[in-house]
Amino acid sequence: MTEIEKETGMTDAECEYWDEYITKNPVHLGPDLVKLGVKPGYAHEYLPINKLDHDVMEYLRKQATLFHKTQIQIINDLVREKLAVGV
């Protein structure tokens, strides 16, 4: 039994197959929700951030960096500002 077989439980041929498959068919899991300020286990409670357009996402990212907040906190601030004005 080779070292790879010991570590993975797969033969060299199986490892090569999956290596080639993953290389040709990369996995796209979506945005990193933790980096967007969504705590693990709470994604269902948050706005579907991946549905926002690119300009909005970029604005949120820059504001979050500038003010040392999460993107969710920036969205909350913007909505609370609108609520305070009565719009």
C-alpha atoms as a PDB file:
ATOM      1  CA  MET A   1       0.000   0.000   0.000  1.00  0.00           C
ATOM      2  CA  THR A   2       1.408   3.384  -1.015  1.00  0.00           C
ATOM      3  CA  GLU A   3       1.573   6.436   1.238  1.00  0.00           C
ATOM      4  CA  ILE A   4      -1.287   8.081  -0.695  1.00  0.00           C
ATOM      5  CA  GLU A   5      -3.449   5.005  -0.291  1.00  0.00           C
ATOM      6  CA  LYS A   6      -2.773   5.046   3.460  1.00  0.00           C
ATOM      7  CA  GLU A   7      -3.673   8.732   3.789  1.00  0.00           C
ATOM      8  CA  THR A   8      -6.668   8.867   1.455  1.00  0.00           C
ATOM      9  CA  GLY A   9      -7.958   5.335   1.159  1.00  0.00           C
ATOM     10  CA  MET A  10      -7.730   5.735  -2.636  1.00  0.00           C
ATOM     11  CA  THR A  11      -5.395   4.239  -5.193  1.00  0.00           C
ATOM     12  CA  ASP A  12      -2.937   6.379  -7.146  1.00  0.00           C
ATOM     13  CA  ALA A  13      -5.206   6.114 -10.196  1.00  0.00           C
ATOM     14  CA  GLU A  14      -8.226   7.347  -8.197  1.00  0.00           C
ATOM     15  CA  CYS A  15      -6.194  10.265  -6.803  1.00  0.00           C
ATOM     16  CA  GLU A  16      -5.049  11.211 -10.298  1.00  0.00           C
ATOM     17  CA  TYR A  17      -8.639  11.007 -11.592  1.00  0.00           C
ATOM     18  CA  TRP A  18      -9.998  13.295  -8.856  1.00  0.00           C
ATOM     19  CA  ASP A  19      -7.036  15.675  -9.163  1.00  0.00           C
ATOM     20  CA  GLU A  20      -7.719  16.076 -12.883  1.00  0.00           C
ATOM     21  CA  TYR A  21     -11.491  16.328 -12.324  1.00  0.00           C
ATOM     22  CA  ILE A  22     -11.186  19.085  -9.691  1.00  0.00           C
ATOM     23  CA  THR A  23      -8.610  20.922 -11.796  1.00  0.00           C
ATOM     24  CA  LYS A  24     -10.928  20.962 -14.826  1.00  0.00           C
ATOM     25  CA  ASN A  25     -14.156  21.505 -12.846  1.00  0.00           C
ATOM     26  CA  PRO A  26     -13.402  23.974 -10.050  1.00  0.00           C
ATOM     27  CA  VAL A  27     -15.866  24.158  -7.181  1.00  0.00           C
ATOM     28  CA  HIS A  28     -17.606  27.531  -6.754  1.00  0.00           C
ATOM     29  CA  LEU A  29     -19.023  27.721  -3.258  1.00  0.00           C
ATOM     30  CA  GLY A  30     -20.135  31.344  -3.402  1.00  0.00           C
ATOM     31  CA  PRO A  31     -19.101  34.291  -1.278  1.00  0.00           C
ATOM     32  CA  ASP A  32     -17.318  33.852   2.037  1.00  0.00           C
ATOM     33  CA  LEU A  33     -20.169  34.785   4.364  1.00  0.00           C
ATOM     34  CA  VAL A  34     -17.914  35.064   7.411  1.00  0.00           C
ATOM     35  CA  LYS A  35     -15.917  37.785   5.627  1.00  0.00           C
ATOM     36  CA  LEU A  36     -19.224  39.476   4.830  1.00  0.00           C
ATOM     37  CA  GLY A  37     -20.074  39.610   8.525  1.00  0.00           C
ATOM     38  CA  VAL A  38     -22.467  36.657   8.727  1.00  0.00           C
ATOM     39  CA  LYS A  39     -21.817  34.435  11.739  1.00  0.00           C
ATOM     40  CA  PRO A  40     -21.842  30.659  11.176  1.00  0.00           C
ATOM     41  CA  GLY A  41     -25.320  29.240  11.683  1.00  0.00           C
ATOM     42  CA  TYR A  42     -27.074  32.575  11.069  1.00  0.00           C
ATOM     43  CA  ALA A  43     -26.954  32.822   7.270  1.00  0.00           C
ATOM     44  CA  HIS A  44     -30.689  32.143   6.979  1.00  0.00           C
ATOM     45  CA  GLU A  45     -31.410  35.327   8.960  1.00  0.00           C
ATOM     46  CA  TYR A  46     -29.431  37.628   6.704  1.00  0.00           C
ATOM     47  CA  LEU A  47     -29.955  39.369   3.434  1.00  0.00           C
ATOM     48  CA  PRO A  48     -28.844  37.223   0.497  1.00  0.00           C
ATOM     49  CA  ILE A  49     -25.702  39.294  -0.024  1.00  0.00           C
ATOM     50  CA  ASN A  50     -24.697  37.400  -3.142  1.00  0.00           C
ATOM     51  CA  LYS A  51     -27.769  38.891  -4.872  1.00  0.00           C
ATOM     52  CA  LEU A  52     -26.433  42.460  -4.536  1.00  0.00           C
ATOM     53  CA  ASP A  53     -24.871  43.994  -7.615  1.00  0.00           C
ATOM     54  CA  HIS A  54     -21.134  44.536  -7.922  1.00  0.00           C
ATOM     55  CA  ASP A  55     -21.193  48.288  -7.193  1.00  0.00           C
ATOM     56  CA  VAL A  56     -23.177  47.787  -3.980  1.00  0.00           C
ATOM     57  CA  MET A  57     -20.863  45.002  -2.825  1.00  0.00           C
ATOM     58  CA  GLU A  58     -17.814  47.171  -3.534  1.00  0.00           C
ATOM     59  CA  TYR A  59     -19.341  50.114  -1.620  1.00  0.00           C
ATOM     60  CA  LEU A  60     -20.128  47.896   1.361  1.00  0.00           C
ATOM     61  CA  ARG A  61     -16.637  46.407   1.338  1.00  0.00           C
ATOM     62  CA  LYS A  62     -14.976  49.836   1.263  1.00  0.00           C
ATOM     63  CA  GLN A  63     -17.220  51.283   3.973  1.00  0.00           C
ATOM     64  CA  ALA A  64     -16.700  48.231   6.191  1.00  0.00           C
ATOM     65  CA  THR A  65     -12.936  48.573   5.826  1.00  0.00           C
ATOM     66  CA  LEU A  66     -12.981  52.335   6.404  1.00  0.00           C
ATOM     67  CA  PHE A  67     -15.120  52.169   9.551  1.00  0.00           C
ATOM     68  CA  HIS A  68     -13.853  48.801  10.847  1.00  0.00           C
ATOM     69  CA  LYS A  69     -17.333  47.275  10.704  1.00  0.00           C
ATOM     70  CA  THR A  70     -18.870  44.291   8.988  1.00  0.00           C
ATOM     71  CA  GLN A  71     -20.820  44.738   5.802  1.00  0.00           C
ATOM     72  CA  ILE A  72     -23.989  43.760   7.666  1.00  0.00           C
ATOM     73  CA  GLN A  73     -23.338  46.580  10.173  1.00  0.00           C
ATOM     74  CA  ILE A  74     -22.963  49.041   7.273  1.00  0.00           C
ATOM     75  CA  ILE A  75     -26.296  47.886   5.831  1.00  0.00           C
ATOM     76  CA  ASN A  76     -27.898  48.272   9.271  1.00  0.00           C
ATOM     77  CA  ASP A  77     -26.522  51.808   9.586  1.00  0.00           C
ATOM     78  CA  LEU A  78     -27.850  52.785   6.154  1.00  0.00           C
ATOM     79  CA  VAL A  79     -31.304  51.394   6.872  1.00  0.00           C
ATOM     80  CA  ARG A  80     -31.448  53.000  10.330  1.00  0.00           C
ATOM     81  CA  GLU A  81     -30.455  56.335   8.767  1.00  0.00           C
ATOM     82  CA  LYS A  82     -33.353  56.029   6.307  1.00  0.00           C
ATOM     83  CA  LEU A  83     -35.722  55.080   9.132  1.00  0.00           C
ATOM     84  CA  ALA A  84     -34.639  58.098  11.181  1.00  0.00           C
ATOM     85  CA  VAL A  85     -35.296  60.441   8.271  1.00  0.00           C
ATOM     86  CA  GLY A  86     -38.656  58.802   7.705  1.00  0.00           C
ATOM     87  CA  VAL A  87     -38.117  57.649   4.135  1.00  0.00           C
END
